[in-house]
Amino acid sequence: MASNPAQQPWLAWLYLALAVAGGVLPWLSNLEFMREYGASFDLAQFIALANANPAAESLSRDLLVGASAITIWIVVESRRLQMRHLWIVLLSAGTIAFAFAAPFFLFLRERRLAEMARTGEG
């Protein structure tokens, strides 16, 4: 039997901690990229380097397919739960990192589920 999300407040905070790590760690690499290849963040160069060898290409393709599927689910789940602030999640996926956006969405979702449990919604 699944436990009530309202009984697991630690889970929302775990997702938030992962969101912070998912925002900081990729951006440390992005800053290193800008130091090495120019502060203008050349997107074409970034993509070329992300596909520079089979290992990098595998990770890039893995992220593309996985992030695409999860983004579709995020939109559908947000609408189903009538969540607010979906635009922040979607914008942050492209401006911060998907590694931030996905756990941040899960944080917001846990809070919404807890709110629904408190108010008797759903």
N, C-alpha and C. Protein backbone atom coordinates (compact mmCIF):
# COMPACT_ATOMS: atom_id res chain seq x y z
N MET A 1 0.84 -1.18 0.00
CA MET A 1 0.00 0.00 0.00
C MET A 1 0.89 1.24 0.00
N ALA A 2 0.63 2.17 -0.86
CA ALA A 2 1.43 3.40 -0.94
C ALA A 2 1.13 4.28 0.27
N SER A 3 2.17 4.93 0.76
CA SER A 3 1.97 5.83 1.90
C SER A 3 1.52 7.19 1.41
N ASN A 4 0.87 7.91 2.29
CA ASN A 4 0.35 9.23 2.00
C ASN A 4 1.51 10.21 1.83
N PRO A 5 1.55 10.98 0.72
CA PRO A 5 2.64 11.94 0.52
C PRO A 5 2.76 12.94 1.66
N ALA A 6 1.66 13.27 2.31
CA ALA A 6 1.72 14.21 3.43
C ALA A 6 2.48 13.62 4.61
N GLN A 7 2.65 12.30 4.64
CA GLN A 7 3.37 11.65 5.72
C GLN A 7 4.88 11.59 5.44
N GLN A 8 5.31 12.13 4.32
CA GLN A 8 6.72 12.08 3.93
C GLN A 8 7.27 13.47 3.61
N PRO A 9 7.24 14.40 4.56
CA PRO A 9 7.72 15.75 4.24
C PRO A 9 9.20 15.77 3.86
N TRP A 10 9.96 14.80 4.32
CA TRP A 10 11.39 14.74 4.00
C TRP A 10 11.61 14.56 2.51
N LEU A 11 10.66 13.91 1.82
CA LEU A 11 10.83 13.66 0.39
C LEU A 11 10.88 14.96 -0.40
N ALA A 12 10.02 15.90 -0.08
CA ALA A 12 10.04 17.20 -0.77
C ALA A 12 11.39 17.87 -0.57
N TRP A 13 11.92 17.83 0.65
CA TRP A 13 13.20 18.47 0.93
C TRP A 13 14.35 17.75 0.25
N LEU A 14 14.26 16.43 0.10
CA LEU A 14 15.27 15.68 -0.64
C LEU A 14 15.27 16.11 -2.10
N TYR A 15 14.08 16.24 -2.68
CA TYR A 15 13.99 16.72 -4.06
C TYR A 15 14.55 18.13 -4.21
N LEU A 16 14.30 18.99 -3.22
CA LEU A 16 14.83 20.34 -3.28
C LEU A 16 16.36 20.34 -3.20
N ALA A 17 16.92 19.50 -2.36
CA ALA A 17 18.38 19.38 -2.27
C ALA A 17 18.96 18.89 -3.59
N LEU A 18 18.30 17.93 -4.22
CA LEU A 18 18.75 17.45 -5.53
C LEU A 18 18.64 18.54 -6.59
N ALA A 19 17.60 19.38 -6.51
CA ALA A 19 17.45 20.49 -7.44
C ALA A 19 18.61 21.47 -7.29
N VAL A 20 18.98 21.77 -6.06
CA VAL A 20 20.11 22.68 -5.83
C VAL A 20 21.38 22.08 -6.42
N ALA A 21 21.64 20.80 -6.13
CA ALA A 21 22.82 20.14 -6.70
C ALA A 21 22.73 20.12 -8.23
N GLY A 22 21.53 19.88 -8.76
CA GLY A 22 21.33 19.84 -10.20
C GLY A 22 21.47 21.19 -10.87
N GLY A 23 21.35 22.25 -10.10
CA GLY A 23 21.59 23.58 -10.64
C GLY A 23 23.05 23.99 -10.54
N VAL A 24 23.67 23.66 -9.42
CA VAL A 24 25.05 24.08 -9.17
C VAL A 24 26.06 23.27 -9.99
N LEU A 25 25.96 21.96 -9.95
CA LEU A 25 26.98 21.12 -10.59
C LEU A 25 27.08 21.32 -12.10
N PRO A 26 25.98 21.32 -12.85
CA PRO A 26 26.12 21.59 -14.28
C PRO A 26 26.67 23.00 -14.57
N TRP A 27 26.26 23.98 -13.74
CA TRP A 27 26.74 25.33 -14.00
C TRP A 27 28.21 25.51 -13.67
N LEU A 28 28.75 24.72 -12.77
CA LEU A 28 30.20 24.75 -12.56
C LEU A 28 30.91 24.32 -13.84
N SER A 29 30.37 23.29 -14.48
CA SER A 29 30.94 22.85 -15.76
C SER A 29 30.71 23.88 -16.85
N ASN A 30 29.53 24.51 -16.87
CA ASN A 30 29.26 25.55 -17.87
C ASN A 30 30.23 26.72 -17.71
N LEU A 31 30.51 27.10 -16.48
CA LEU A 31 31.46 28.19 -16.25
C LEU A 31 32.86 27.81 -16.71
N GLU A 32 33.25 26.55 -16.48
CA GLU A 32 34.55 26.08 -16.96
C GLU A 32 34.58 26.09 -18.50
N PHE A 33 33.48 25.69 -19.12
CA PHE A 33 33.38 25.74 -20.58
C PHE A 33 33.57 27.17 -21.07
N MET A 34 32.93 28.13 -20.42
CA MET A 34 33.05 29.54 -20.83
C MET A 34 34.46 30.06 -20.61
N ARG A 35 35.13 29.60 -19.56
CA ARG A 35 36.53 30.01 -19.35
C ARG A 35 37.42 29.49 -20.47
N GLU A 36 37.17 28.25 -20.90
CA GLU A 36 38.02 27.64 -21.92
C GLU A 36 37.67 28.07 -23.35
N TYR A 37 36.38 28.31 -23.63
CA TYR A 37 35.95 28.53 -25.01
C TYR A 37 35.35 29.90 -25.27
N GLY A 38 35.37 30.78 -24.29
CA GLY A 38 34.85 32.12 -24.50
C GLY A 38 33.60 32.37 -23.68
N ALA A 39 33.54 33.54 -23.09
CA ALA A 39 32.46 33.89 -22.16
C ALA A 39 31.11 34.04 -22.84
N SER A 40 31.07 34.05 -24.17
CA SER A 40 29.79 34.24 -24.86
C SER A 40 28.92 32.98 -24.88
N PHE A 41 29.43 31.87 -24.36
CA PHE A 41 28.74 30.59 -24.36
C PHE A 41 28.27 30.24 -25.76
N ASP A 42 29.20 29.79 -26.57
CA ASP A 42 28.94 29.39 -27.95
C ASP A 42 28.17 28.07 -27.94
N LEU A 43 26.86 28.15 -28.18
CA LEU A 43 26.00 26.97 -28.11
C LEU A 43 26.40 25.92 -29.14
N ALA A 44 26.77 26.34 -30.34
CA ALA A 44 27.18 25.38 -31.37
C ALA A 44 28.43 24.62 -30.93
N GLN A 45 29.37 25.32 -30.33
CA GLN A 45 30.59 24.67 -29.82
C GLN A 45 30.25 23.71 -28.67
N PHE A 46 29.36 24.14 -27.81
CA PHE A 46 28.93 23.31 -26.68
C PHE A 46 28.32 22.00 -27.18
N ILE A 47 27.43 22.10 -28.17
CA ILE A 47 26.78 20.90 -28.72
C ILE A 47 27.81 20.02 -29.43
N ALA A 48 28.72 20.64 -30.15
CA ALA A 48 29.76 19.86 -30.82
C ALA A 48 30.60 19.08 -29.81
N LEU A 49 30.98 19.73 -28.72
CA LEU A 49 31.76 19.05 -27.69
C LEU A 49 30.95 17.98 -26.96
N ALA A 50 29.65 18.21 -26.82
CA ALA A 50 28.78 17.22 -26.17
C ALA A 50 28.62 15.97 -27.02
N ASN A 51 29.04 16.05 -28.28
CA ASN A 51 28.97 14.91 -29.19
C ASN A 51 30.34 14.57 -29.77
N ALA A 52 31.40 14.96 -29.06
CA ALA A 52 32.76 14.84 -29.57
C ALA A 52 33.27 13.40 -29.65
N ASN A 53 32.70 12.51 -28.87
CA ASN A 53 33.14 11.11 -28.89
C ASN A 53 31.93 10.24 -28.54
N PRO A 54 32.04 8.93 -28.74
CA PRO A 54 30.88 8.07 -28.48
C PRO A 54 30.35 8.14 -27.05
N ALA A 55 31.20 8.32 -26.06
CA ALA A 55 30.74 8.40 -24.67
C ALA A 55 29.92 9.68 -24.45
N ALA A 56 30.45 10.80 -24.92
CA ALA A 56 29.72 12.07 -24.79
C ALA A 56 28.43 12.03 -25.58
N GLU A 57 28.48 11.46 -26.78
CA GLU A 57 27.29 11.36 -27.61
C GLU A 57 26.23 10.48 -26.94
N SER A 58 26.65 9.40 -26.31
CA SER A 58 25.72 8.52 -25.59
C SER A 58 25.03 9.28 -24.46
N LEU A 59 25.79 10.03 -23.68
CA LEU A 59 25.19 10.81 -22.59
C LEU A 59 24.26 11.89 -23.11
N SER A 60 24.63 12.53 -24.20
CA SER A 60 23.78 13.58 -24.79
C SER A 60 22.47 13.00 -25.29
N ARG A 61 22.55 11.85 -25.96
CA ARG A 61 21.33 11.23 -26.47
C ARG A 61 20.46 10.71 -25.33
N ASP A 62 21.10 10.16 -24.31
CA ASP A 62 20.38 9.67 -23.13
C ASP A 62 19.61 10.82 -22.48
N LEU A 63 20.28 11.96 -22.30
CA LEU A 63 19.63 13.13 -21.70
C LEU A 63 18.50 13.64 -22.59
N LEU A 64 18.72 13.72 -23.88
CA LEU A 64 17.71 14.22 -24.80
C LEU A 64 16.43 13.39 -24.74
N VAL A 65 16.56 12.08 -24.83
CA VAL A 65 15.38 11.21 -24.83
C VAL A 65 14.72 11.19 -23.45
N GLY A 66 15.52 11.01 -22.40
CA GLY A 66 14.96 10.97 -21.05
C GLY A 66 14.31 12.28 -20.65
N ALA A 67 14.97 13.38 -20.93
CA ALA A 67 14.43 14.69 -20.57
C ALA A 67 13.17 15.00 -21.37
N SER A 68 13.12 14.56 -22.62
CA SER A 68 11.92 14.78 -23.44
C SER A 68 10.73 14.04 -22.84
N ALA A 69 10.92 12.78 -22.47
CA ALA A 69 9.84 11.99 -21.88
C ALA A 69 9.39 12.59 -20.55
N ILE A 70 10.33 12.96 -19.71
CA ILE A 70 9.99 13.50 -18.39
C ILE A 70 9.32 14.87 -18.54
N THR A 71 9.73 15.67 -19.50
CA THR A 71 9.11 16.97 -19.71
C THR A 71 7.64 16.81 -20.11
N ILE A 72 7.36 15.85 -20.98
CA ILE A 72 5.96 15.58 -21.34
C ILE A 72 5.18 15.20 -20.09
N TRP A 73 5.73 14.30 -19.28
CA TRP A 73 5.06 13.89 -18.05
C TRP A 73 4.87 15.07 -17.09
N ILE A 74 5.87 15.93 -16.98
CA ILE A 74 5.77 17.11 -16.11
C ILE A 74 4.57 17.97 -16.52
N VAL A 75 4.42 18.21 -17.81
CA VAL A 75 3.30 19.04 -18.29
C VAL A 75 1.97 18.35 -17.99
N VAL A 76 1.87 17.07 -18.31
CA VAL A 76 0.62 16.33 -18.08
C VAL A 76 0.31 16.27 -16.59
N GLU A 77 1.28 15.94 -15.77
CA GLU A 77 1.07 15.82 -14.32
C GLU A 77 0.73 17.17 -13.70
N SER A 78 1.36 18.24 -14.16
CA SER A 78 1.05 19.58 -13.65
C SER A 78 -0.40 19.93 -13.91
N ARG A 79 -0.86 19.62 -15.09
CA ARG A 79 -2.26 19.91 -15.42
C ARG A 79 -3.21 19.04 -14.62
N ARG A 80 -2.86 17.75 -14.48
CA ARG A 80 -3.72 16.83 -13.72
C ARG A 80 -3.88 17.27 -12.28
N LEU A 81 -2.78 17.74 -11.68
CA LEU A 81 -2.80 18.16 -10.28
C LEU A 81 -3.12 19.64 -10.11
N GLN A 82 -3.36 20.32 -11.22
CA GLN A 82 -3.64 21.76 -11.20
C GLN A 82 -2.56 22.52 -10.43
N MET A 83 -1.31 22.23 -10.79
CA MET A 83 -0.16 22.86 -10.14
C MET A 83 0.08 24.24 -10.73
N ARG A 84 0.56 25.12 -9.88
CA ARG A 84 0.96 26.45 -10.31
C ARG A 84 2.47 26.43 -10.62
N HIS A 85 2.90 27.43 -11.34
CA HIS A 85 4.33 27.68 -11.59
C HIS A 85 5.00 26.69 -12.55
N LEU A 86 4.22 26.05 -13.42
CA LEU A 86 4.81 25.16 -14.42
C LEU A 86 5.81 25.92 -15.29
N TRP A 87 5.52 27.17 -15.58
CA TRP A 87 6.39 27.96 -16.44
C TRP A 87 7.79 28.09 -15.84
N ILE A 88 7.90 28.14 -14.51
CA ILE A 88 9.21 28.24 -13.87
C ILE A 88 10.01 26.96 -14.12
N VAL A 89 9.34 25.83 -14.00
CA VAL A 89 10.00 24.54 -14.23
C VAL A 89 10.50 24.46 -15.67
N LEU A 90 9.63 24.77 -16.62
CA LEU A 90 10.00 24.66 -18.03
C LEU A 90 11.10 25.66 -18.40
N LEU A 91 11.00 26.88 -17.91
CA LEU A 91 12.03 27.87 -18.20
C LEU A 91 13.38 27.46 -17.60
N SER A 92 13.34 26.94 -16.39
CA SER A 92 14.60 26.56 -15.72
C SER A 92 15.27 25.37 -16.40
N ALA A 93 14.49 24.52 -17.09
CA ALA A 93 15.09 23.39 -17.81
C ALA A 93 16.05 23.88 -18.89
N GLY A 94 15.70 25.00 -19.51
CA GLY A 94 16.56 25.53 -20.57
C GLY A 94 17.57 26.55 -20.11
N THR A 95 17.31 27.20 -18.99
CA THR A 95 18.22 28.27 -18.56
C THR A 95 19.15 27.87 -17.42
N ILE A 96 18.72 26.92 -16.60
CA ILE A 96 19.58 26.46 -15.50
C ILE A 96 20.12 25.09 -15.86
N ALA A 97 19.27 24.08 -15.79
CA ALA A 97 19.65 22.72 -16.19
C ALA A 97 18.44 21.82 -16.00
N PHE A 98 18.32 20.81 -16.83
CA PHE A 98 17.26 19.84 -16.63
C PHE A 98 17.46 19.14 -15.28
N ALA A 99 18.71 18.97 -14.87
CA ALA A 99 19.02 18.35 -13.58
C ALA A 99 18.51 19.19 -12.41
N PHE A 100 18.23 20.47 -12.64
CA PHE A 100 17.55 21.31 -11.66
C PHE A 100 16.04 21.20 -11.82
N ALA A 101 15.57 21.33 -13.06
CA ALA A 101 14.13 21.43 -13.32
C ALA A 101 13.37 20.18 -12.88
N ALA A 102 13.88 19.00 -13.17
CA ALA A 102 13.15 17.77 -12.84
C ALA A 102 12.98 17.60 -11.33
N PRO A 103 14.05 17.67 -10.53
CA PRO A 103 13.81 17.54 -9.09
C PRO A 103 13.06 18.72 -8.49
N PHE A 104 13.18 19.92 -9.08
CA PHE A 104 12.40 21.06 -8.60
C PHE A 104 10.92 20.81 -8.84
N PHE A 105 10.58 20.25 -10.01
CA PHE A 105 9.19 19.88 -10.26
C PHE A 105 8.72 18.86 -9.23
N LEU A 106 9.55 17.87 -8.93
CA LEU A 106 9.15 16.85 -7.95
C LEU A 106 8.94 17.47 -6.57
N PHE A 107 9.75 18.46 -6.23
CA PHE A 107 9.56 19.21 -4.97
C PHE A 107 8.19 19.89 -4.98
N LEU A 108 7.89 20.62 -6.06
CA LEU A 108 6.60 21.31 -6.16
C LEU A 108 5.44 20.32 -6.16
N ARG A 109 5.63 19.18 -6.81
CA ARG A 109 4.58 18.16 -6.86
C ARG A 109 4.31 17.60 -5.47
N GLU A 110 5.36 17.30 -4.71
CA GLU A 110 5.18 16.79 -3.35
C GLU A 110 4.42 17.80 -2.49
N ARG A 111 4.76 19.06 -2.64
CA ARG A 111 4.06 20.10 -1.88
C ARG A 111 2.59 20.18 -2.30
N ARG A 112 2.32 20.03 -3.61
CA ARG A 112 0.94 20.06 -4.09
C ARG A 112 0.16 18.85 -3.56
N LEU A 113 0.77 17.67 -3.59
CA LEU A 113 0.10 16.48 -3.08
C LEU A 113 -0.20 16.62 -1.59
N ALA A 114 0.72 17.19 -0.84
CA ALA A 114 0.49 17.41 0.59
C ALA A 114 -0.65 18.41 0.80
N GLU A 115 -0.68 19.47 -0.03
CA GLU A 115 -1.75 20.46 0.05
C GLU A 115 -3.10 19.81 -0.26
N MET A 116 -3.13 18.97 -1.27
CA MET A 116 -4.36 18.29 -1.64
C MET A 116 -4.82 17.35 -0.53
N ALA A 117 -3.88 16.68 0.13
CA ALA A 117 -4.24 15.79 1.24
C ALA A 117 -4.82 16.57 2.41
N ARG A 118 -4.22 17.75 2.68
CA ARG A 118 -4.71 18.59 3.79
C ARG A 118 -6.10 19.14 3.54
N THR A 119 -6.37 19.52 2.29
CA THR A 119 -7.64 20.16 1.96
C THR A 119 -8.71 19.17 1.49
N GLY A 120 -8.32 17.90 1.36
CA GLY A 120 -9.28 16.89 0.92
C GLY A 120 -9.56 16.91 -0.57
N GLU A 121 -8.69 17.55 -1.35
CA GLU A 121 -8.85 17.56 -2.82
C GLU A 121 -8.45 16.21 -3.38
N GLY A 122 -8.90 15.97 -4.61
CA GLY A 122 -8.46 14.82 -5.36
C GLY A 122 -9.02 13.56 -4.86
